Protein backbone atom coordinates (compact mmCIF):
# COMPACT_ATOMS: atom_id res chain seq x y z
CA MET A 1 -0.01 0.00 -0.01
CA GLU A 2 1.10 3.52 -0.69
CA PHE A 3 -0.65 6.22 1.35
CA THR A 4 -0.82 9.92 0.58
CA GLY A 5 -2.66 12.44 2.69
CA ALA A 6 -3.80 16.04 2.66
CA THR A 7 -5.02 18.29 5.46
CA ALA A 8 -7.16 21.39 5.37
CA CYS A 9 -4.67 23.31 7.48
CA ASN A 10 -3.17 26.63 6.46
CA GLY A 11 -0.38 28.76 7.78
CA SER A 12 -2.43 30.23 10.62
CA GLN A 13 -3.42 26.78 11.90
CA HIS A 14 0.16 25.51 11.94
CA ASP A 15 0.91 26.67 15.47
CA GLU A 16 -2.24 25.05 16.78
CA HIS A 17 -1.42 21.74 15.14
CA ALA A 18 2.10 21.83 16.50
CA LYS A 19 0.74 21.55 20.03
CA ALA A 20 0.02 17.86 19.42
CA TYR A 21 3.48 17.00 20.73
CA ASP A 22 2.65 13.77 22.57
CA LEU A 23 0.54 10.70 21.74
CA ARG A 24 -2.51 11.81 23.75
CA HIS A 25 -2.65 15.23 22.14
CA PHE A 26 -1.90 13.64 18.76
CA LEU A 27 -4.84 11.18 19.00
CA ALA A 28 -7.14 13.99 20.05
CA TYR A 29 -5.85 16.02 17.16
CA LEU A 30 -6.62 13.20 14.68
CA GLN A 31 -10.18 12.86 16.02
CA SER A 32 -10.82 16.56 15.56
CA HIS A 33 -8.99 16.89 12.24
CA PRO A 34 -9.80 13.86 10.00
CA ILE A 35 -7.23 13.30 7.25
CA PRO A 36 -8.57 11.92 3.96
CA LEU A 37 -6.44 9.06 2.66
CA ARG A 38 -6.00 7.81 -0.91
CA CYS A 39 -4.84 4.24 -1.53
CA ARG A 40 -3.12 2.82 -4.56
CA LEU A 41 -2.29 -0.89 -4.83
CA LEU A 42 1.27 -1.66 -5.84
CA HIS A 43 1.09 -5.03 -7.61
CA ALA A 44 3.95 -7.46 -7.25
CA LYS A 45 5.67 -9.19 -10.15
CA GLY A 46 2.68 -11.51 -10.61
CA THR A 47 -0.66 -11.33 -8.84
CA THR A 48 -4.23 -12.21 -9.71
CA VAL A 49 -7.13 -9.87 -10.26
CA GLY A 50 -9.83 -10.62 -7.69
CA PRO A 51 -13.59 -10.66 -8.37
CA PRO A 52 -15.78 -7.74 -7.36
CA LYS A 53 -17.74 -7.95 -4.12
CA ASN A 54 -21.19 -9.55 -4.00
CA ALA A 55 -20.67 -11.26 -7.41
CA ALA A 56 -22.84 -14.35 -7.92
CA ARG A 57 -21.00 -17.64 -8.29
CA LEU A 58 -20.87 -19.15 -11.75
CA THR A 59 -22.58 -22.52 -12.29
CA ARG A 60 -23.13 -24.65 -15.35
CA GLY A 61 -26.75 -23.60 -15.53
CA ARG A 62 -25.93 -19.92 -15.24
CA VAL A 63 -23.29 -20.12 -17.93
CA GLU A 64 -25.75 -21.83 -20.29
CA SER A 65 -28.43 -19.20 -19.55
CA LEU A 66 -26.24 -16.20 -20.44
CA LYS A 67 -27.53 -14.52 -23.61
CA PRO A 68 -25.55 -12.37 -26.04
CA ARG A 69 -26.08 -8.60 -26.04
CA ASP A 70 -25.38 -5.91 -28.57
CA HIS A 71 -21.92 -5.51 -27.00
CA ARG A 72 -19.39 -7.81 -25.39
CA TYR A 73 -19.59 -8.27 -21.63
CA GLU A 74 -17.81 -10.26 -18.91
CA ILE A 75 -19.01 -12.24 -15.91
CA ASN A 76 -16.57 -12.90 -13.02
CA ASP A 77 -16.49 -16.06 -10.97
CA PRO A 78 -15.97 -15.20 -7.29
CA SER A 79 -15.03 -18.80 -6.45
CA CYS A 80 -11.86 -18.52 -8.55
CA ALA A 81 -9.86 -15.28 -8.38
CA GLY A 82 -9.18 -13.89 -11.83
CA LEU A 83 -11.52 -16.24 -13.73
CA GLN A 84 -13.88 -14.52 -16.09
CA LEU A 85 -16.43 -15.63 -18.71
CA ARG A 86 -16.60 -13.38 -21.76
CA VAL A 87 -19.75 -13.36 -23.88
CA ALA A 88 -19.41 -11.96 -27.40
CA PRO A 89 -22.28 -10.41 -29.41
CA THR A 90 -22.11 -13.52 -31.66
CA GLY A 91 -22.93 -15.73 -28.68
CA VAL A 92 -19.41 -17.21 -28.36
CA LYS A 93 -18.44 -17.73 -24.72
CA SER A 94 -14.80 -17.91 -23.75
CA TRP A 95 -12.94 -18.39 -20.46
CA HIS A 96 -10.29 -15.87 -19.47
CA TRP A 97 -7.96 -15.64 -16.52
CA ARG A 98 -6.78 -12.13 -15.54
CA PHE A 99 -3.59 -11.42 -13.65
CA TYR A 100 -0.86 -8.84 -13.18
CA TRP A 101 2.56 -9.37 -14.68
CA HIS A 102 5.30 -6.86 -13.79
CA GLY A 103 2.62 -4.38 -12.71
CA SER A 104 0.59 -4.59 -15.94
CA ARG A 105 -2.74 -6.29 -16.47
CA ALA A 106 -2.57 -9.46 -18.55
CA ARG A 107 -5.08 -11.98 -19.78
CA LEU A 108 -4.83 -15.65 -20.58
CA VAL A 109 -7.47 -17.35 -22.81
CA LEU A 110 -8.31 -20.69 -21.25
CA GLY A 111 -10.73 -22.03 -23.88
CA LEU A 112 -14.20 -21.83 -25.32
CA TRP A 113 -17.45 -22.90 -23.73
CA PRO A 114 -18.71 -25.68 -23.83
CA LYS A 115 -15.56 -27.44 -25.08
CA THR A 116 -13.84 -26.17 -21.98
CA SER A 117 -16.17 -26.80 -19.04
CA LEU A 118 -16.41 -24.77 -15.84
CA ALA A 119 -14.42 -27.39 -13.94
CA GLU A 120 -11.70 -27.46 -16.62
CA ALA A 121 -11.54 -23.67 -16.55
CA HIS A 122 -11.00 -23.82 -12.77
CA GLU A 123 -8.24 -26.42 -13.21
CA LYS A 124 -6.43 -24.32 -15.84
CA ALA A 125 -6.80 -21.16 -13.72
CA GLU A 126 -5.25 -22.97 -10.73
CA ALA A 127 -2.43 -24.26 -12.87
CA ALA A 128 -1.80 -20.72 -14.14
CA ARG A 129 -1.82 -19.42 -10.57
CA GLY A 130 0.78 -22.06 -9.61
CA HIS A 131 3.09 -20.94 -12.39
CA LEU A 132 2.57 -17.31 -11.34
CA ARG A 133 3.63 -18.09 -7.80
CA ARG A 134 6.90 -19.58 -9.18
CA GLY A 135 7.57 -16.38 -11.13
CA ILE A 136 6.65 -17.92 -14.49
CA ASP A 137 4.49 -16.07 -16.99
CA PRO A 138 1.37 -18.29 -17.43
CA ARG A 139 1.13 -17.25 -21.05
CA ARG A 140 4.43 -19.06 -21.68
CA ALA A 141 3.54 -22.15 -19.67
CA GLY A 142 1.64 -24.04 -22.38
CA ILE A 143 -1.57 -24.17 -20.34
CA THR A 144 -3.66 -23.65 -23.45
CA SER A 145 -3.00 -23.49 -27.17
CA THR A 146 -5.84 -21.04 -27.85
CA SER A 147 -4.27 -18.04 -26.22
CA ARG A 148 -4.39 -14.95 -28.46
CA VAL A 149 -2.67 -12.73 -25.96
CA LYS A 150 0.29 -10.65 -27.03
CA PRO A 151 3.42 -12.28 -25.56
CA GLU A 152 5.53 -10.36 -23.14
CA ALA A 153 7.85 -8.00 -24.97
CA ALA A 154 11.27 -9.54 -25.38
CA PRO A 155 14.18 -7.65 -23.80
CA LEU A 156 16.72 -6.01 -26.09
CA GLU A 157 19.35 -8.72 -25.59
CA GLY A 158 17.13 -11.52 -26.89
CA PRO A 159 14.36 -13.89 -25.80
CA PRO A 160 13.31 -14.18 -22.13
CA GLN A 161 16.01 -15.97 -20.19
CA HIS A 162 13.92 -19.06 -19.43
CA SER A 163 12.22 -19.51 -22.82
CA VAL A 164 12.97 -22.55 -24.99
CA ALA A 165 14.20 -20.14 -27.71
CA HIS A 166 16.75 -18.71 -25.29
CA LEU A 167 17.77 -22.21 -24.13
CA ALA A 168 18.25 -23.29 -27.76
CA ARG A 169 20.28 -20.19 -28.54
CA GLU A 170 22.58 -20.76 -25.55
CA TYR A 171 22.88 -24.47 -26.37
CA MET A 172 23.90 -23.71 -29.96
CA ALA A 173 26.34 -20.92 -29.07
CA ARG A 174 28.04 -22.42 -26.02
CA HIS A 175 27.96 -26.14 -26.80
CA VAL A 176 27.04 -27.20 -30.34
CA GLN A 177 29.16 -24.62 -32.14
CA ARG A 178 32.16 -25.66 -30.07
CA GLN A 179 31.71 -29.40 -29.97
CA ARG A 180 30.00 -30.47 -33.22
CA ARG A 181 31.65 -30.57 -36.59
CA ARG A 182 28.40 -29.68 -38.40
CA PRO A 183 26.35 -27.47 -36.05
CA GLU A 184 24.06 -26.42 -38.86
CA TYR A 185 22.51 -29.91 -38.82
CA VAL A 186 21.39 -29.43 -35.17
CA GLN A 187 20.12 -25.93 -35.94
CA ARG A 188 17.99 -27.23 -38.82
CA ILE A 189 16.39 -29.83 -36.58
CA LEU A 190 15.63 -27.26 -33.86
CA ASP A 191 14.18 -24.81 -36.44
CA ALA A 192 12.03 -27.47 -38.10
CA GLU A 193 10.83 -29.64 -35.18
CA VAL A 194 11.20 -27.82 -31.84
CA LEU A 195 11.15 -24.05 -32.01
CA PRO A 196 7.96 -23.63 -34.06
CA ARG A 197 6.09 -25.49 -31.31
CA TRP A 198 7.89 -24.45 -28.08
CA GLY A 199 9.95 -21.37 -28.98
CA SER A 200 8.00 -18.93 -26.80
CA ARG A 201 7.34 -21.45 -24.03
CA ASP A 202 9.00 -21.21 -20.64
CA ALA A 203 11.41 -24.16 -20.68
CA ARG A 204 10.66 -24.84 -17.01
CA THR A 205 7.04 -25.71 -17.86
CA ILE A 206 7.72 -28.35 -20.54
CA LYS A 207 6.38 -31.65 -19.19
CA PRO A 208 7.56 -35.19 -19.98
CA ARG A 209 4.16 -35.96 -21.56
CA GLU A 210 4.60 -33.05 -24.01
CA VAL A 211 7.97 -34.43 -25.03
CA ILE A 212 6.44 -37.82 -25.68
CA GLU A 213 3.62 -36.36 -27.74
CA LEU A 214 6.06 -34.35 -29.86
CA LEU A 215 8.31 -37.36 -30.51
CA ASP A 216 5.34 -39.58 -31.29
CA GLU A 217 4.16 -37.16 -33.96
CA ILE A 218 7.62 -37.15 -35.53
CA ALA A 219 8.03 -40.94 -35.26
CA ASP A 220 4.80 -41.51 -37.17
CA ARG A 221 6.27 -39.83 -40.25
CA ALA A 222 10.04 -40.23 -39.74
CA PRO A 223 11.23 -42.71 -37.08
CA VAL A 224 14.92 -41.94 -37.51
CA MET A 225 14.32 -38.23 -37.21
CA ALA A 226 12.38 -38.85 -33.97
CA ASN A 227 15.53 -40.47 -32.56
CA ARG A 228 17.64 -37.50 -33.61
CA VAL A 229 15.22 -35.02 -32.05
CA ALA A 230 15.12 -37.04 -28.81
CA GLY A 231 18.92 -36.99 -28.58
CA ILE A 232 19.12 -33.27 -29.21
CA LEU A 233 16.36 -32.45 -26.71
CA SER A 234 17.95 -34.63 -24.04
CA GLN A 235 21.29 -32.95 -24.45
CA MET A 236 19.78 -29.46 -24.69
CA PHE A 237 17.84 -29.75 -21.41
CA ARG A 238 20.83 -31.27 -19.62
CA PHE A 239 22.77 -28.26 -20.88
CA GLY A 240 19.97 -26.08 -19.48
CA ILE A 241 20.47 -27.65 -16.02
CA HIS A 242 24.16 -26.91 -16.29
CA ARG A 243 23.44 -23.29 -17.16
CA ALA A 244 20.72 -22.91 -14.48
CA ILE A 245 18.05 -22.20 -17.11
CA VAL A 246 15.93 -25.19 -15.99
CA GLU A 247 15.93 -27.24 -12.82
CA ALA A 248 15.14 -30.63 -14.31
CA THR A 249 14.88 -32.27 -17.73
CA PRO A 250 11.49 -33.36 -19.15
CA VAL A 251 13.23 -35.86 -21.47
CA GLN A 252 12.84 -39.10 -19.55
CA LEU A 253 12.82 -41.85 -22.15
CA LEU A 254 13.31 -45.58 -21.63
CA TYR A 255 14.03 -46.32 -25.29
CA ARG A 256 14.31 -44.58 -28.65
CA PRO A 257 11.01 -43.15 -29.81
CA GLY A 258 11.64 -44.22 -33.38
CA GLY A 259 12.68 -47.73 -32.41
CA LYS A 260 16.00 -49.45 -32.99
CA GLU A 261 17.65 -48.31 -36.17
CA LYS A 262 18.66 -51.11 -38.49
CA PRO A 263 21.86 -50.42 -40.45
CA ARG A 264 21.30 -50.35 -44.20
CA ALA A 265 22.59 -53.41 -46.04
CA ARG A 266 21.86 -52.40 -49.63
CA VAL A 267 24.63 -53.50 -51.96
CA LEU A 268 24.41 -53.40 -55.73
CA SER A 269 24.80 -56.81 -57.28
CA GLU A 270 27.22 -57.45 -60.11
CA GLU A 271 24.41 -57.33 -62.64
CA GLU A 272 23.18 -54.05 -61.18
CA LEU A 273 26.72 -52.66 -61.30
CA LYS A 274 26.92 -53.55 -64.95
CA ALA A 275 23.60 -51.82 -65.66
CA PHE A 276 24.60 -48.86 -63.52
CA LEU A 277 27.91 -48.29 -65.32
CA ARG A 278 26.54 -48.78 -68.81
CA ASN A 279 23.40 -46.67 -68.48
CA LEU A 280 24.43 -44.00 -66.02
CA ASP A 281 24.37 -41.09 -68.49
CA ASP A 282 20.91 -42.08 -69.74
CA ALA A 283 19.46 -42.62 -66.25
CA CYS A 284 20.62 -39.30 -64.82
CA ARG A 285 18.54 -36.19 -65.42
CA PHE A 286 21.32 -33.77 -64.45
CA GLN A 287 24.48 -33.05 -66.42
CA ARG A 288 27.13 -33.48 -63.75
CA LEU A 289 25.38 -36.20 -61.73
CA PRO A 290 26.86 -39.14 -63.73
CA HIS A 291 30.40 -37.82 -63.13
CA VAL A 292 29.63 -37.28 -59.41
CA LEU A 293 28.38 -40.86 -58.99
CA ARG A 294 31.35 -42.30 -60.89
CA VAL A 295 33.78 -40.39 -58.65
CA LEU A 296 31.97 -41.63 -55.52
CA LEU A 297 32.04 -45.21 -56.78
CA LEU A 298 35.70 -45.03 -57.84
CA THR A 299 37.00 -43.31 -54.69
CA LEU A 300 34.53 -44.79 -52.13
CA GLN A 301 34.50 -41.52 -50.18
CA ARG A 302 31.52 -39.92 -48.47
CA ARG A 303 29.21 -37.60 -50.42
CA SER A 304 29.89 -34.71 -48.03
CA GLU A 305 33.64 -34.97 -48.62
CA LEU A 306 33.11 -34.59 -52.37
CA ALA A 307 30.34 -31.96 -52.06
CA LEU A 308 32.47 -29.71 -49.87
CA ALA A 309 35.77 -30.37 -51.71
CA GLU A 310 37.87 -27.58 -53.22
CA TRP A 311 40.20 -27.98 -56.16
CA ARG A 312 43.22 -27.16 -54.02
CA GLU A 313 42.71 -30.55 -52.34
CA PHE A 314 43.46 -32.37 -55.60
CA ASP A 315 46.78 -32.95 -57.33
CA LEU A 316 45.62 -34.43 -60.65
CA LYS A 317 49.19 -34.84 -61.87
CA ALA A 318 50.21 -36.81 -58.78
CA LYS A 319 46.74 -38.39 -58.78
CA THR A 320 46.00 -37.70 -55.13
CA TRP A 321 43.14 -36.18 -53.16
CA THR A 322 44.00 -34.76 -49.70
CA ILE A 323 40.81 -34.72 -47.68
CA PRO A 324 41.11 -32.15 -44.81
CA ASP A 325 40.18 -32.88 -41.24
CA ALA A 326 37.32 -30.38 -41.41
CA HIS A 327 35.57 -32.40 -44.12
CA ALA A 328 36.23 -35.91 -42.77
CA LYS A 329 33.44 -37.45 -40.70
CA THR A 330 35.95 -38.89 -38.23
CA GLY A 331 37.66 -35.49 -37.87
CA LYS A 332 40.85 -37.02 -39.26
CA GLY A 333 41.55 -36.45 -42.97
CA HIS A 334 43.75 -38.62 -45.17
CA VAL A 335 45.44 -38.75 -48.56
CA LEU A 336 43.57 -40.79 -51.15
CA PRO A 337 45.21 -42.08 -54.35
CA LEU A 338 43.20 -41.60 -57.54
CA SER A 339 42.90 -44.00 -60.46
CA ASP A 340 43.21 -42.77 -64.02
CA TRP A 341 39.46 -43.14 -64.47
CA ALA A 342 38.75 -41.03 -61.37
CA VAL A 343 41.12 -38.35 -62.65
CA ALA A 344 39.34 -38.26 -65.99
CA GLU A 345 35.96 -37.79 -64.26
CA LEU A 346 37.33 -35.02 -62.05
CA GLN A 347 38.75 -33.20 -65.07
CA LYS A 348 35.25 -33.16 -66.61
CA LEU A 349 33.82 -31.77 -63.34
CA LYS A 350 36.52 -29.06 -63.37
CA VAL A 351 35.33 -27.91 -66.77
CA MET A 352 31.75 -27.77 -65.47
CA ALA A 353 32.86 -25.87 -62.37
CA ASP A 354 33.77 -22.97 -64.75
CA GLY A 355 36.53 -21.45 -62.63
CA SER A 356 34.93 -21.95 -59.21
CA ARG A 357 37.24 -23.03 -56.38
CA TYR A 358 34.71 -25.70 -55.44
CA VAL A 359 34.45 -29.04 -57.17
CA LEU A 360 30.63 -28.95 -57.00
CA PRO A 361 29.73 -25.23 -56.79
CA SER A 362 26.24 -23.96 -56.18
CA GLY A 363 24.38 -21.84 -58.71
CA ASP A 364 26.27 -18.62 -58.03
CA LYS A 365 29.59 -20.56 -57.70
CA SER A 366 30.35 -18.78 -54.43
CA GLN A 367 29.85 -21.79 -52.18
CA PRO A 368 29.65 -25.60 -52.46
CA ILE A 369 26.42 -27.48 -52.82
CA ASP A 370 24.63 -29.01 -49.88
CA PRO A 371 25.64 -32.72 -49.65
CA LYS A 372 21.98 -33.64 -49.49
CA TYR A 373 21.56 -32.24 -52.99
CA ILE A 374 23.36 -35.35 -54.32
CA THR A 375 20.98 -37.67 -52.51
CA ARG A 376 17.93 -35.74 -53.65
CA SER A 377 19.18 -35.77 -57.25
CA VAL A 378 19.63 -39.52 -57.18
CA ALA A 379 16.13 -39.94 -55.67
CA ARG A 380 14.65 -38.07 -58.64
CA CYS A 381 16.30 -40.49 -61.06
CA LEU A 382 15.35 -43.77 -59.39
CA LYS A 383 12.54 -44.49 -61.87
CA ARG A 384 14.99 -44.22 -64.74
CA PHE A 385 17.46 -46.49 -62.99
CA LYS A 386 14.71 -49.03 -62.38
CA LYS A 387 14.01 -49.18 -66.15
CA HIS A 388 17.63 -50.24 -66.60
CA GLY A 389 17.46 -52.92 -63.92
CA VAL A 390 18.93 -51.03 -60.98
CA ALA A 391 16.75 -51.08 -57.83
CA ALA A 392 16.44 -48.09 -55.53
CA PHE A 393 19.74 -47.01 -53.93
CA THR A 394 21.37 -44.02 -52.24
CA PRO A 395 24.85 -42.54 -52.83
CA HIS A 396 26.04 -44.12 -49.60
CA ASP A 397 25.03 -47.52 -50.92
CA LEU A 398 27.75 -47.09 -53.58
CA ARG A 399 30.28 -46.72 -50.76
CA ARG A 400 29.03 -49.93 -49.14
CA THR A 401 29.02 -51.70 -52.52
CA GLY A 402 32.68 -50.67 -53.02
CA ARG A 403 33.72 -51.90 -49.57
CA THR A 404 32.08 -55.25 -50.32
CA GLY A 405 33.81 -55.33 -53.71
CA LEU A 406 37.24 -54.70 -52.12
CA ALA A 407 36.68 -57.72 -49.89
CA ARG A 408 35.65 -59.78 -52.91
CA LEU A 409 38.83 -58.75 -54.69
CA GLY A 410 40.95 -59.97 -51.77
CA ILE A 411 41.98 -56.59 -50.37
CA LYS A 412 43.12 -56.82 -46.76
CA VAL A 413 40.59 -55.58 -44.19
CA ASP A 414 42.86 -52.96 -42.67
CA ILE A 415 43.74 -51.53 -46.10
CA ALA A 416 40.08 -51.45 -47.16
CA GLU A 417 39.15 -49.66 -43.97
CA ARG A 418 41.90 -47.10 -44.52
CA VAL A 419 40.63 -46.46 -48.05
CA LEU A 420 37.16 -45.65 -46.60
CA ASN A 421 38.83 -43.69 -43.75
CA HIS A 422 36.82 -45.45 -41.08
CA ALA A 423 37.63 -44.61 -37.48
CA ARG A 424 40.28 -46.86 -35.95
CA GLU A 425 40.83 -48.02 -32.43
CA ARG A 426 42.51 -45.42 -30.25
CA MET A 427 45.65 -47.40 -29.55
CA GLU A 428 46.23 -48.25 -33.24
CA ALA A 429 45.52 -44.69 -34.38
CA THR A 430 47.98 -43.36 -31.82
CA TYR A 431 50.96 -45.57 -32.65
CA ASP A 432 50.46 -46.43 -36.34
CA VAL A 433 50.67 -43.18 -38.31
CA HIS A 434 51.81 -44.67 -41.61
CA ASP A 435 49.71 -43.38 -44.52
CA TYR A 436 49.69 -46.67 -46.49
CA ILE A 437 49.52 -44.62 -49.69
CA ASP A 438 50.97 -47.40 -51.90
CA GLU A 439 48.64 -50.03 -50.49
CA LYS A 440 45.60 -47.82 -50.92
CA ARG A 441 46.62 -46.99 -54.50
CA GLU A 442 46.94 -50.67 -55.33
CA ALA A 443 43.52 -51.40 -53.85
CA LEU A 444 41.79 -48.61 -55.74
CA GLU A 445 43.55 -49.44 -59.03
CA LYS A 446 42.34 -53.00 -58.62
CA TRP A 447 38.78 -51.75 -57.94
CA ALA A 448 38.82 -49.40 -60.92
CA LYS A 449 40.04 -52.23 -63.19
CA TYR A 450 37.19 -54.44 -61.95
CA LEU A 451 34.61 -51.73 -62.70
CA ALA A 452 36.12 -51.09 -66.15
CA GLU A 453 35.79 -54.81 -66.97
CA LEU A 454 32.12 -54.74 -65.95
CA ARG A 455 31.51 -51.64 -68.07
CA SER A 456 33.43 -53.01 -71.10
CA ASP A 457 31.42 -56.23 -71.47
CA ALA A 458 29.60 -56.79 -74.77
CA GLY A 459 26.83 -54.32 -75.49
CA TRP A 460 28.67 -51.21 -74.36
CA LYS A 461 31.05 -48.94 -76.27
CA ASP A 462 33.96 -47.34 -74.42
CA GLU A 463 34.61 -44.03 -76.14
CA THR A 464 37.99 -43.69 -74.41
CA ARG A 465 39.45 -46.84 -76.04
CA PRO A 466 40.86 -46.81 -79.58
CA ARG A 467 38.46 -48.23 -82.12
CA ILE A 468 39.79 -51.25 -84.04
CA LYS A 469 38.55 -51.93 -87.58
CA VAL A 470 37.36 -55.56 -87.99
CA ARG A 471 36.23 -57.12 -91.31
CA THR A 472 33.79 -60.05 -91.11
CA LEU A 473 31.70 -61.61 -93.89
CA GLY A 474 32.38 -58.78 -96.26
CA LYS A 475 31.28 -56.13 -93.73
CA THR A 476 33.37 -53.66 -91.80
CA ARG A 477 32.64 -52.92 -88.14
CA PHE A 478 34.50 -51.27 -85.32
CA ARG A 479 35.36 -52.93 -82.07
């Protein structure tokens, strides 16, 4: 309470008033000179707005009996402080809960009658009051999805410090950017799956059931993505505990929401490899895609390593490709020998790059393409591949096919694994730093020769080989 007072005294009365020098005279003075007082309530950070006196209690029957008027009006429920029923001229009745937030009046829409009953409105109002006592804005607590209230104005430095958007921003800046090799992947998942739904929510009010519902929705359309989102959410809320943004994590899962992920086992058969190599140009709808797929098949490297590659990584005269640590999935790059066939395909890609420093530049040639562009391009050509006898596959299946082919050709396991640059055991990686460049070159030359034999079978013309004139039965043909 803040009190202000005013007396009707003037200068001539001042001496008389000053005689009230002790408590007895002062009390007598107050009785003979009443002082009008004016009161003004100073609201705390969050308080409710109470009902007016002598207001009739709301019941189901009374709510049903309320008729629309030519203007909107509100009816307060004295049994629940702050609860109000609003009746629109159209007859629509909605529940509202009024409260003070930082000294300003605020309103939370709880739902529409009769979908939200009187009892449910009471429950939501009590839940909102509980959040208010904890210093949480009920509008950010996810109590109802029908709220049309303007959110609290964000401070200049960013989102409110307990919002999911703020938690995600801190998580990205202070953990993901420093620890992950491709932080943009995490940011894309947050932007697509989490922030549109919870961005303005207070992170302290997210409940385990809400996490389950979100992950179930994702799992119904993309089980693997549900597992990725679950992992990111779990890590993000544990980071929030570390940063004192939340007190506990709502991600309490017993198993992966998308189920156990089965590793892909798709390998192109020898007949499919023949059809793939002979009909690649006809099956692809995009000019450089055949050369990209041949390079991936000949080198057995990951699509991202080729998509992000720059020409400075290649020495076409020495026939080597030095993959940097920043592009390698394991974080450890390596030197890869190139076969003559792979060099020829790369030279064609260099002509198509038209002076760009990237092997696979984007449209404006200022940056490389997204690695997913290769996968999407292949997906658009699968019907054409099927016509040539090649079942559905992904670019990574070519890498698996090549690893299987190296084993079939008798390449030692450790050499084949080094060609693919798979992660090695810590002890071996620490003490064996030999690059095995000669062994890898021998393996890839053997693999390229095997593919060339498949491609050169009857029914296909190799334009890179010299054409030999052959005369049979009085006719001349070229072989």
